[in-house]
PDB file of N, CA and C in Angstrom:
ATOM      1  N   MET A   1       0.967  -1.238   0.038  1.00  0.00           N
ATOM      2  CA  MET A   1      -0.019   0.086   0.062  1.00  0.00           C
ATOM      3  C   MET A   1       1.041   1.146   0.254  1.00  0.00           C
ATOM      4  N   ASN A   2       0.625   2.400  -0.857  1.00  0.00           N
ATOM      5  CA  ASN A   2       1.425   3.289  -0.812  1.00  0.00           C
ATOM      6  C   ASN A   2       0.927   4.370   0.530  1.00  0.00           C
ATOM      7  N   ASN A   3       2.061   5.151   0.609  1.00  0.00           N
ATOM      8  CA  ASN A   3       1.495   6.279   1.762  1.00  0.00           C
ATOM      9  C   ASN A   3       0.497   6.859   1.436  1.00  0.00           C
ATOM     10  N   LYS A   4      -0.593   6.549   2.062  1.00  0.00           N
ATOM     11  CA  LYS A   4      -1.836   7.781   1.668  1.00  0.00           C
ATOM     12  C   LYS A   4      -2.145   8.498   2.602  1.00  0.00           C
ATOM     13  N   LYS A   5      -2.362   9.682   2.517  1.00  0.00           N
ATOM     14  CA  LYS A   5      -2.689  10.968   3.307  1.00  0.00           C
ATOM     15  C   LYS A   5      -4.148  11.037   3.688  1.00  0.00           C
ATOM     16  N   ILE A   6      -4.356  11.368   4.943  1.00  0.00           N
ATOM     17  CA  ILE A   6      -5.841  11.934   4.853  1.00  0.00           C
ATOM     18  C   ILE A   6      -5.786  13.518   5.601  1.00  0.00           C
ATOM     19  N   SER A   7      -6.563  14.190   4.596  1.00  0.00           N
ATOM     20  CA  SER A   7      -6.028  15.414   4.627  1.00  0.00           C
ATOM     21  C   SER A   7      -7.265  16.389   4.039  1.00  0.00           C
ATOM     22  N   ASN A   8      -7.180  17.313   4.339  1.00  0.00           N
ATOM     23  CA  ASN A   8      -8.355  18.776   3.680  1.00  0.00           C
ATOM     24  C   ASN A   8      -7.408  19.577   3.042  1.00  0.00           C
ATOM     25  N   PRO A   9      -7.999  20.247   1.983  1.00  0.00           N
ATOM     26  CA  PRO A   9      -7.601  21.409   1.011  1.00  0.00           C
ATOM     27  C   PRO A   9      -6.787  22.055   1.982  1.00  0.00           C
ATOM     28  N   LYS A  10      -5.576  22.688   1.770  1.00  0.00           N
ATOM     29  CA  LYS A  10      -4.684  23.664   2.491  1.00  0.00           C
ATOM     30  C   LYS A  10      -4.989  24.839   2.527  1.00  0.00           C
ATOM     31  N   THR A  11      -5.344  25.717   3.522  1.00  0.00           N
ATOM     32  CA  THR A  11      -5.575  27.512   3.541  1.00  0.00           C
ATOM     33  C   THR A  11      -4.253  27.745   3.340  1.00  0.00           C
ATOM     34  N   ASN A  12      -4.157  28.848   2.386  1.00  0.00           N
ATOM     35  CA  ASN A  12      -3.037  29.389   2.319  1.00  0.00           C
ATOM     36  C   ASN A  12      -2.549  31.004   3.003  1.00  0.00           C
ATOM     37  N   VAL A  13      -1.762  30.711   3.489  1.00  0.00           N
ATOM     38  CA  VAL A  13      -1.446  31.933   4.590  1.00  0.00           C
ATOM     39  C   VAL A  13      -0.294  32.590   3.646  1.00  0.00           C
ATOM     40  N   PRO A  14       0.023  33.992   4.206  1.00  0.00           N
ATOM     41  CA  PRO A  14       1.083  34.653   3.947  1.00  0.00           C
ATOM     42  C   PRO A  14       2.531  34.313   4.118  1.00  0.00           C
ATOM     43  N   LYS A  15       3.543  34.105   2.948  1.00  0.00           N
ATOM     44  CA  LYS A  15       4.472  33.863   3.571  1.00  0.00           C
ATOM     45  C   LYS A  15       5.730  34.985   3.581  1.00  0.00           C
ATOM     46  N   GLY A  16       6.675  34.619   4.295  1.00  0.00           N
ATOM     47  CA  GLY A  16       7.658  35.715   4.580  1.00  0.00           C
ATOM     48  C   GLY A  16       7.890  35.581   6.243  1.00  0.00           C
ATOM     49  N   LYS A  17       8.301  36.659   6.480  1.00  0.00           N
ATOM     50  CA  LYS A  17       9.020  37.174   7.788  1.00  0.00           C
ATOM     51  C   LYS A  17       7.921  37.176   8.994  1.00  0.00           C
ATOM     52  N   SER A  18       7.027  37.730   8.521  1.00  0.00           N
ATOM     53  CA  SER A  18       5.751  37.900   9.484  1.00  0.00           C
ATOM     54  C   SER A  18       4.946  36.671   9.918  1.00  0.00           C
ATOM     55  N   LEU A  19       4.601  36.510  10.860  1.00  0.00           N
ATOM     56  CA  LEU A  19       3.588  35.714  11.579  1.00  0.00           C
ATOM     57  C   LEU A  19       2.502  35.589  10.863  1.00  0.00           C
ATOM     58  N   ASN A  20       1.663  34.506  10.585  1.00  0.00           N
ATOM     59  CA  ASN A  20       0.649  34.119  10.128  1.00  0.00           C
ATOM     60  C   ASN A  20      -0.295  33.478  11.046  1.00  0.00           C
ATOM     61  N   ASP A  21      -1.706  33.225  10.554  1.00  0.00           N
ATOM     62  CA  ASP A  21      -2.228  32.403  11.266  1.00  0.00           C
ATOM     63  C   ASP A  21      -1.885  31.172  11.683  1.00  0.00           C
ATOM     64  N   LYS A  22      -1.302  30.047  10.851  1.00  0.00           N
ATOM     65  CA  LYS A  22      -0.859  28.907  10.597  1.00  0.00           C
ATOM     66  C   LYS A  22       0.146  29.105  11.931  1.00  0.00           C
ATOM     67  N   ASP A  23       1.012  30.267  11.966  1.00  0.00           N
ATOM     68  CA  ASP A  23       2.083  30.413  12.867  1.00  0.00           C
ATOM     69  C   ASP A  23       1.580  30.345  14.300  1.00  0.00           C
ATOM     70  N   TYR A  24       0.564  31.227  14.431  1.00  0.00           N
ATOM     71  CA  TYR A  24      -0.186  31.458  15.763  1.00  0.00           C
ATOM     72  C   TYR A  24      -0.783  30.469  16.138  1.00  0.00           C
ATOM     73  N   MET A  25      -1.418  29.632  15.046  1.00  0.00           N
ATOM     74  CA  MET A  25      -2.261  28.306  15.789  1.00  0.00           C
ATOM     75  C   MET A  25      -0.948  27.212  15.879  1.00  0.00           C
ATOM     76  N   ASN A  26       0.100  26.966  15.252  1.00  0.00           N
ATOM     77  CA  ASN A  26       1.114  26.053  15.841  1.00  0.00           C
ATOM     78  C   ASN A  26       1.645  26.655  17.085  1.00  0.00           C
ATOM     79  N   SER A  27       1.848  27.646  17.481  1.00  0.00           N
ATOM     80  CA  SER A  27       2.506  28.268  18.770  1.00  0.00           C
ATOM     81  C   SER A  27       1.273  27.824  19.964  1.00  0.00           C
ATOM     82  N   LEU A  28       0.078  28.067  19.442  1.00  0.00           N
ATOM     83  CA  LEU A  28      -0.852  27.709  20.543  1.00  0.00           C
ATOM     84  C   LEU A  28      -1.034  26.219  20.796  1.00  0.00           C
ATOM     85  N   LEU A  29      -0.942  25.635  19.898  1.00  0.00           N
ATOM     86  CA  LEU A  29      -1.225  24.196  20.092  1.00  0.00           C
ATOM     87  C   LEU A  29      -0.103  23.383  20.646  1.00  0.00           C
ATOM     88  N   SER A  30       1.265  24.165  20.398  1.00  0.00           N
ATOM     89  CA  SER A  30       2.432  23.415  21.453  1.00  0.00           C
ATOM     90  C   SER A  30       2.086  23.748  22.941  1.00  0.00           C
ATOM     91  N   THR A  31       1.680  25.328  22.840  1.00  0.00           N
ATOM     92  CA  THR A  31       1.751  25.858  24.142  1.00  0.00           C
ATOM     93  C   THR A  31       0.488  24.751  25.126  1.00  0.00           C
ATOM     94  N   LEU A  32      -0.622  24.495  24.752  1.00  0.00           N
ATOM     95  CA  LEU A  32      -1.623  23.818  25.047  1.00  0.00           C
ATOM     96  C   LEU A  32      -1.361  22.044  25.408  1.00  0.00           C
ATOM     97  N   LYS A  33      -0.357  21.682  24.482  1.00  0.00           N
ATOM     98  CA  LYS A  33       0.001  20.347  24.899  1.00  0.00           C
ATOM     99  C   LYS A  33       0.939  20.353  26.133  1.00  0.00           C
ATOM    100  N   GLU A  34       1.632  21.319  25.915  1.00  0.00           N
ATOM    101  CA  GLU A  34       2.949  21.513  27.114  1.00  0.00           C
ATOM    102  C   GLU A  34       2.028  21.396  28.494  1.00  0.00           C
ATOM    103  N   MET A  35       0.898  22.470  28.329  1.00  0.00           N
ATOM    104  CA  MET A  35       0.306  22.685  29.427  1.00  0.00           C
ATOM    105  C   MET A  35      -0.747  21.434  29.946  1.00  0.00           C
ATOM    106  N   VAL A  36      -1.387  20.509  29.229  1.00  0.00           N
ATOM    107  CA  VAL A  36      -1.925  19.301  29.405  1.00  0.00           C
ATOM    108  C   VAL A  36      -1.088  18.460  29.683  1.00  0.00           C
ATOM    109  N   LYS A  37       0.265  18.072  29.612  1.00  0.00           N
ATOM    110  CA  LYS A  37       1.255  17.308  30.049  1.00  0.00           C
ATOM    111  C   LYS A  37       1.489  17.596  31.445  1.00  0.00           C
ATOM    112  N   ASN A  38       1.635  19.038  31.580  1.00  0.00           N
ATOM    113  CA  ASN A  38       2.077  19.584  33.117  1.00  0.00           C
ATOM    114  C   ASN A  38       0.951  19.269  34.069  1.00  0.00           C
ATOM    115  N   TYR A  39      -0.478  19.315  33.542  1.00  0.00           N
ATOM    116  CA  TYR A  39      -1.358  19.537  34.392  1.00  0.00           C
ATOM    117  C   TYR A  39      -1.709  17.775  34.597  1.00  0.00           C
ATOM    118  N   ALA A  40      -1.135  16.964  34.052  1.00  0.00           N
ATOM    119  CA  ALA A  40      -1.168  15.659  34.167  1.00  0.00           C
ATOM    120  C   ALA A  40      -0.433  15.064  34.970  1.00  0.00           C
ATOM    121  N   VAL A  41       0.721  16.125  35.340  1.00  0.00           N
ATOM    122  CA  VAL A  41       1.798  15.371  36.312  1.00  0.00           C
ATOM    123  C   VAL A  41       1.342  16.220  37.654  1.00  0.00           C
ATOM    124  N   VAL A  42       0.583  17.489  37.734  1.00  0.00           N
ATOM    125  CA  VAL A  42       0.206  17.767  38.551  1.00  0.00           C
ATOM    126  C   VAL A  42      -0.945  16.799  39.356  1.00  0.00           C
ATOM    127  N   LEU A  43      -1.828  16.540  38.581  1.00  0.00           N
ATOM    128  CA  LEU A  43      -2.930  15.723  38.770  1.00  0.00           C
ATOM    129  C   LEU A  43      -2.355  14.534  39.561  1.00  0.00           C
ATOM    130  N   THR A  44      -1.296  13.705  39.637  1.00  0.00           N
ATOM    131  CA  THR A  44      -0.873  12.787  39.960  1.00  0.00           C
ATOM    132  C   THR A  44       0.007  12.892  41.613  1.00  0.00           C
ATOM    133  N   GLU A  45       0.252  14.561  41.509  1.00  0.00           N
ATOM    134  CA  GLU A  45       1.049  15.041  42.735  1.00  0.00           C
ATOM    135  C   GLU A  45      -0.011  15.965  43.590  1.00  0.00           C
ATOM    136  N   ALA A  46      -1.465  16.025  43.233  1.00  0.00           N
ATOM    137  CA  ALA A  46      -2.509  16.601  43.920  1.00  0.00           C
ATOM    138  C   ALA A  46      -2.200  16.409  45.620  1.00  0.00           C
ATOM    139  N   SER A  47      -2.398  17.369  46.471  1.00  0.00           N
ATOM    140  CA  SER A  47      -2.145  17.042  48.081  1.00  0.00           C
ATOM    141  C   SER A  47      -3.491  16.590  48.764  1.00  0.00           C
ATOM    142  N   ASN A  48      -4.825  17.016  47.718  1.00  0.00           N
ATOM    143  CA  ASN A  48      -6.172  16.925  48.706  1.00  0.00           C
ATOM    144  C   ASN A  48      -7.028  16.855  47.614  1.00  0.00           C
ATOM    145  N   GLU A  49      -8.281  16.151  47.594  1.00  0.00           N
ATOM    146  CA  GLU A  49      -9.442  15.919  46.877  1.00  0.00           C
ATOM    147  C   GLU A  49      -9.739  17.320  46.185  1.00  0.00           C
ATOM    148  N   THR A  50      -9.978  18.360  46.981  1.00  0.00           N
ATOM    149  CA  THR A  50     -10.107  19.819  46.594  1.00  0.00           C
ATOM    150  C   THR A  50      -9.345  20.147  45.560  1.00  0.00           C
ATOM    151  N   LEU A  51      -8.073  20.288  45.769  1.00  0.00           N
ATOM    152  CA  LEU A  51      -7.004  20.390  44.766  1.00  0.00           C
ATOM    153  C   LEU A  51      -7.217  19.722  43.489  1.00  0.00           C
ATOM    154  N   TYR A  52      -7.372  18.447  43.906  1.00  0.00           N
ATOM    155  CA  TYR A  52      -7.361  17.530  42.989  1.00  0.00           C
ATOM    156  C   TYR A  52      -8.538  17.712  41.674  1.00  0.00           C
ATOM    157  N   LYS A  53      -9.865  17.996  42.380  1.00  0.00           N
ATOM    158  CA  LYS A  53     -10.843  18.259  41.675  1.00  0.00           C
ATOM    159  C   LYS A  53     -10.630  19.656  40.597  1.00  0.00           C
ATOM    160  N   GLN A  54      -9.813  20.590  41.314  1.00  0.00           N
ATOM    161  CA  GLN A  54      -9.609  22.131  40.484  1.00  0.00           C
ATOM    162  C   GLN A  54      -8.630  21.863  39.274  1.00  0.00           C
ATOM    163  N   TYR A  55      -7.734  20.997  39.799  1.00  0.00           N
ATOM    164  CA  TYR A  55      -6.785  20.607  38.518  1.00  0.00           C
ATOM    165  C   TYR A  55      -7.524  19.952  37.414  1.00  0.00           C
ATOM    166  N   LYS A  56      -8.261  19.148  37.950  1.00  0.00           N
ATOM    167  CA  LYS A  56      -8.984  18.329  37.090  1.00  0.00           C
ATOM    168  C   LYS A  56      -9.780  18.666  35.972  1.00  0.00           C
ATOM    169  N   GLU A  57     -10.446  19.553  36.380  1.00  0.00           N
ATOM    170  CA  GLU A  57     -11.460  20.857  35.994  1.00  0.00           C
ATOM    171  C   GLU A  57     -10.771  21.252  34.590  1.00  0.00           C
ATOM    172  N   MET A  58      -9.285  21.986  35.228  1.00  0.00           N
ATOM    173  CA  MET A  58      -8.336  22.580  34.467  1.00  0.00           C
ATOM    174  C   MET A  58      -7.557  21.908  33.063  1.00  0.00           C
ATOM    175  N   PHE A  59      -7.306  20.601  33.696  1.00  0.00           N
ATOM    176  CA  PHE A  59      -6.956  19.850  32.866  1.00  0.00           C
ATOM    177  C   PHE A  59      -7.923  19.279  31.601  1.00  0.00           C
ATOM    178  N   ASP A  60      -9.130  19.263  31.963  1.00  0.00           N
ATOM    179  CA  ASP A  60      -9.912  18.964  31.108  1.00  0.00           C
ATOM    180  C   ASP A  60     -10.321  19.906  30.113  1.00  0.00           C
ATOM    181  N   GLU A  61     -10.666  21.219  30.761  1.00  0.00           N
ATOM    182  CA  GLU A  61     -10.435  22.523  29.911  1.00  0.00           C
ATOM    183  C   GLU A  61      -9.491  22.713  28.683  1.00  0.00           C
ATOM    184  N   TYR A  62      -8.149  22.548  29.271  1.00  0.00           N
ATOM    185  CA  TYR A  62      -7.115  22.584  28.279  1.00  0.00           C
ATOM    186  C   TYR A  62      -6.927  21.444  27.457  1.00  0.00           C
ATOM    187  N   ALA A  63      -7.453  20.330  27.816  1.00  0.00           N
ATOM    188  CA  ALA A  63      -7.137  19.262  26.917  1.00  0.00           C
ATOM    189  C   ALA A  63      -8.382  19.390  25.779  1.00  0.00           C
ATOM    190  N   ASN A  64      -9.460  19.906  25.850  1.00  0.00           N
ATOM    191  CA  ASN A  64     -10.484  19.924  25.124  1.00  0.00           C
ATOM    192  C   ASN A  64     -10.052  20.992  23.796  1.00  0.00           C
ATOM    193  N   LEU A  65      -9.444  22.456  24.577  1.00  0.00           N
ATOM    194  CA  LEU A  65      -8.955  23.393  23.817  1.00  0.00           C
ATOM    195  C   LEU A  65      -7.792  22.727  22.792  1.00  0.00           C
ATOM    196  N   GLN A  66      -7.181  21.950  22.998  1.00  0.00           N
ATOM    197  CA  GLN A  66      -5.982  21.640  22.682  1.00  0.00           C
ATOM    198  C   GLN A  66      -6.713  20.483  21.670  1.00  0.00           C
ATOM    199  N   ARG A  67      -7.643  20.190  21.535  1.00  0.00           N
ATOM    200  CA  ARG A  67      -8.393  19.096  20.282  1.00  0.00           C
ATOM    201  C   ARG A  67      -8.967  19.817  19.553  1.00  0.00           C
ATOM    202  N   GLU A  68      -9.490  21.022  20.077  1.00  0.00           N
ATOM    203  CA  GLU A  68     -10.364  22.023  18.986  1.00  0.00           C
ATOM    204  C   GLU A  68      -9.434  22.366  18.074  1.00  0.00           C
ATOM    205  N   VAL A  69      -8.031  23.186  18.550  1.00  0.00           N
ATOM    206  CA  VAL A  69      -7.011  24.029  17.827  1.00  0.00           C
ATOM    207  C   VAL A  69      -6.713  22.892  16.767  1.00  0.00           C
ATOM    208  N   PHE A  70      -6.274  21.663  17.129  1.00  0.00           N
ATOM    209  CA  PHE A  70      -5.793  20.669  16.548  1.00  0.00           C
ATOM    210  C   PHE A  70      -6.863  20.274  15.229  1.00  0.00           C
ATOM    211  N   GLU A  71      -8.324  20.244  15.582  1.00  0.00           N
ATOM    212  CA  GLU A  71      -9.111  19.787  14.764  1.00  0.00           C
ATOM    213  C   GLU A  71      -9.329  21.013  13.739  1.00  0.00           C
ATOM    214  N   THR A  72      -9.287  22.533  14.093  1.00  0.00           N
ATOM    215  CA  THR A  72      -9.226  23.687  13.329  1.00  0.00           C
ATOM    216  C   THR A  72      -8.002  23.473  12.380  1.00  0.00           C
ATOM    217  N   MET A  73      -6.844  22.983  12.704  1.00  0.00           N
ATOM    218  CA  MET A  73      -5.499  23.260  11.923  1.00  0.00           C
ATOM    219  C   MET A  73      -6.307  22.177  10.800  1.00  0.00           C
ATOM    220  N   PHE A  74      -6.382  20.768  11.349  1.00  0.00           N
ATOM    221  CA  PHE A  74      -6.705  19.718  10.479  1.00  0.00           C
ATOM    222  C   PHE A  74      -7.721  20.296   9.192  1.00  0.00           C
ATOM    223  N   LYS A  75      -8.765  20.855   9.423  1.00  0.00           N
ATOM    224  CA  LYS A  75      -9.846  21.367   8.819  1.00  0.00           C
ATOM    225  C   LYS A  75      -9.137  22.349   7.779  1.00  0.00           C
ATOM    226  N   LYS A  76      -8.004  23.150   7.817  1.00  0.00           N
ATOM    227  CA  LYS A  76      -7.581  23.902   7.438  1.00  0.00           C
ATOM    228  C   LYS A  76      -6.354  23.528   6.613  1.00  0.00           C
ATOM    229  N   GLY A  77      -6.185  22.383   6.847  1.00  0.00           N
ATOM    230  CA  GLY A  77      -5.245  21.344   5.684  1.00  0.00           C
ATOM    231  C   GLY A  77      -3.683  21.655   6.350  1.00  0.00           C
ATOM    232  N   TRP A  78      -3.492  22.284   7.414  1.00  0.00           N
ATOM    233  CA  TRP A  78      -1.956  22.252   8.147  1.00  0.00           C
ATOM    234  C   TRP A  78      -1.643  20.718   8.764  1.00  0.00           C
ATOM    235  N   TYR A  79      -2.633  20.075   8.875  1.00  0.00           N
ATOM    236  CA  TYR A  79      -2.198  18.745   9.238  1.00  0.00           C
ATOM    237  C   TYR A  79      -2.516  17.755   8.543  1.00  0.00           C
ATOM    238  N   SER A  80      -1.957  16.612   8.283  1.00  0.00           N
ATOM    239  CA  SER A  80      -2.668  15.727   7.562  1.00  0.00           C
ATOM    240  C   SER A  80      -2.096  14.345   8.406  1.00  0.00           C
ATOM    241  N   LEU A  81      -3.052  13.239   8.196  1.00  0.00           N
ATOM    242  CA  LEU A  81      -2.939  12.010   8.955  1.00  0.00           C
ATOM    243  C   LEU A  81      -2.217  10.973   7.922  1.00  0.00           C
ATOM    244  N   GLU A  82      -1.962   9.878   8.252  1.00  0.00           N
ATOM    245  CA  GLU A  82      -1.121   8.920   7.281  1.00  0.00           C
ATOM    246  C   GLU A  82      -2.095   7.847   7.616  1.00  0.00           C
ATOM    247  N   VAL A  83      -2.250   7.125   6.797  1.00  0.00           N
ATOM    248  CA  VAL A  83      -3.446   5.871   6.703  1.00  0.00           C
ATOM    249  C   VAL A  83      -2.545   4.442   7.021  1.00  0.00           C
ATOM    250  N   ALA A  84      -2.672   3.994   8.244  1.00  0.00           N
ATOM    251  CA  ALA A  84      -1.621   2.823   8.432  1.00  0.00           C
ATOM    252  C   ALA A  84      -1.985   1.852   7.933  1.00  0.00           C
ATOM    253  N   GLU A  85      -0.713   1.145   7.328  1.00  0.00           N
ATOM    254  CA  GLU A  85      -1.123  -0.358   6.743  1.00  0.00           C
ATOM    255  C   GLU A  85      -1.793  -1.246   7.797  1.00  0.00           C
ATOM    256  N   GLU A  86      -2.716  -2.152   7.179  1.00  0.00           N
ATOM    257  CA  GLU A  86      -2.917  -3.273   8.073  1.00  0.00           C
ATOM    258  C   GLU A  86      -1.903  -4.191   8.334  1.00  0.00           C
ATOM    259  N   GLU A  87      -0.863  -4.400   7.724  1.00  0.00           N
ATOM    260  CA  GLU A  87       0.073  -5.372   8.341  1.00  0.00           C
ATOM    261  C   GLU A  87       0.548  -4.357   9.701  1.00  0.00           C
ATOM    262  N   LYS A  88       0.662  -3.264   9.536  1.00  0.00           N
ATOM    263  CA  LYS A  88       1.686  -2.475  10.631  1.00  0.00           C
ATOM    264  C   LYS A  88       0.753  -2.304  12.004  1.00  0.00           C
ATOM    265  N   ILE A  89      -0.645  -2.187  11.719  1.00  0.00           N
ATOM    266  CA  ILE A  89      -1.440  -2.483  13.090  1.00  0.00           C
ATOM    267  C   ILE A  89      -1.676  -3.825  13.214  1.00  0.00           C
ATOM    268  N   ASN A  90      -1.587  -4.767  12.597  1.00  0.00           N
ATOM    269  CA  ASN A  90      -1.738  -5.954  12.970  1.00  0.00           C
ATOM    270  C   ASN A  90      -0.432  -6.466  13.987  1.00  0.00           C
ATOM    271  N   SER A  91       0.923  -6.020  13.566  1.00  0.00           N
ATOM    272  CA  SER A  91       2.036  -5.930  14.151  1.00  0.00           C
ATOM    273  C   SER A  91       2.131  -5.375  15.560  1.00  0.00           C
ATOM    274  N   LYS A  92       1.751  -4.010  15.277  1.00  0.00           N
ATOM    275  CA  LYS A  92       1.358  -3.393  16.775  1.00  0.00           C
ATOM    276  C   LYS A  92       0.737  -4.193  17.884  1.00  0.00           C
ATOM    277  N   HIS A  93      -0.467  -4.910  17.099  1.00  0.00           N
ATOM    278  CA  HIS A  93      -1.562  -5.256  18.171  1.00  0.00           C
ATOM    279  C   HIS A  93      -0.679  -6.355  18.918  1.00  0.00           C
ATOM    280  N   GLN A  94      -0.266  -7.380  18.096  1.00  0.00           N
ATOM    281  CA  GLN A  94       0.807  -8.133  18.377  1.00  0.00           C
ATOM    282  C   GLN A  94       1.344  -8.266  19.491  1.00  0.00           C
ATOM    283  N   MET A  95       2.541  -7.233  19.083  1.00  0.00           N
ATOM    284  CA  MET A  95       3.632  -7.162  20.150  1.00  0.00           C
ATOM    285  C   MET A  95       2.901  -6.401  21.352  1.00  0.00           C
ATOM    286  N   LEU A  96       1.780  -5.514  21.327  1.00  0.00           N
ATOM    287  CA  LEU A  96       1.164  -4.770  22.767  1.00  0.00           C
ATOM    288  C   LEU A  96       0.451  -6.311  23.412  1.00  0.00           C
ATOM    289  N   LYS A  97      -0.158  -7.131  22.766  1.00  0.00           N
ATOM    290  CA  LYS A  97      -0.909  -8.294  23.140  1.00  0.00           C
ATOM    291  C   LYS A  97       0.289  -9.346  23.854  1.00  0.00           C
ATOM    292  N   GLN A  98       1.556  -9.396  23.378  1.00  0.00           N
ATOM    293  CA  GLN A  98       2.401 -10.065  23.942  1.00  0.00           C
ATOM    294  C   GLN A  98       3.061  -9.339  25.080  1.00  0.00           C
ATOM    295  N   GLU A  99       2.924  -8.240  25.143  1.00  0.00           N
ATOM    296  CA  GLU A  99       3.718  -7.253  26.710  1.00  0.00           C
ATOM    297  C   GLU A  99       2.473  -7.639  27.576  1.00  0.00           C
ATOM    298  N   LEU A 100       1.321  -7.613  27.251  1.00  0.00           N
ATOM    299  CA  LEU A 100       0.091  -7.712  28.513  1.00  0.00           C
ATOM    300  C   LEU A 100       0.425  -9.032  28.825  1.00  0.00           C
ATOM    301  N   THR A 101       0.527 -10.020  27.894  1.00  0.00           N
ATOM    302  CA  THR A 101       0.673 -11.932  28.465  1.00  0.00           C
ATOM    303  C   THR A 101       1.721 -11.538  29.443  1.00  0.00           C
ATOM    304  N   ASP A 102       2.991 -10.671  28.750  1.00  0.00           N
ATOM    305  CA  ASP A 102       4.401 -10.885  29.972  1.00  0.00           C
ATOM    306  C   ASP A 102       3.979 -10.367  31.280  1.00  0.00           C
ATOM    307  N   LEU A 103       3.314  -9.122  31.083  1.00  0.00           N
ATOM    308  CA  LEU A 103       2.760  -8.410  32.348  1.00  0.00           C
ATOM    309  C   LEU A 103       2.085  -9.248  33.556  1.00  0.00           C
ATOM    310  N   SER A 104       1.441 -10.000  32.588  1.00  0.00           N
ATOM    311  CA  SER A 104       0.633 -11.067  33.359  1.00  0.00           C
ATOM    312  C   SER A 104       1.045 -12.241  34.099  1.00  0.00           C
ATOM    313  N   GLU A 105       2.149 -12.671  33.715  1.00  0.00           N
ATOM    314  CA  GLU A 105       2.602 -13.955  34.277  1.00  0.00           C
ATOM    315  C   GLU A 105       3.464 -13.529  35.654  1.00  0.00           C
TER     316      GLU A 105
END
């Protein structure tokens, strides 16, 4: 199977030294991804239930926002996805299945 891409028509942005919408969205997405990672760590270290609940709400909000930004970028054609070959999927599935078996022993 050839490398097939899943993508949308690309929204063109101005080229040059000035920042454009794609640049701003990339920066926002990177920042949100980092925030989600950091909140995941904070959740594991929350010292009491009240803090945990507050952090969890914030984590959920940032994770949802990160997803929305990614979906917007995908719709604008600034991201494409690769169709995985069935053989690759099956191979990965077998590897993970074996790891699970190994953990159960």
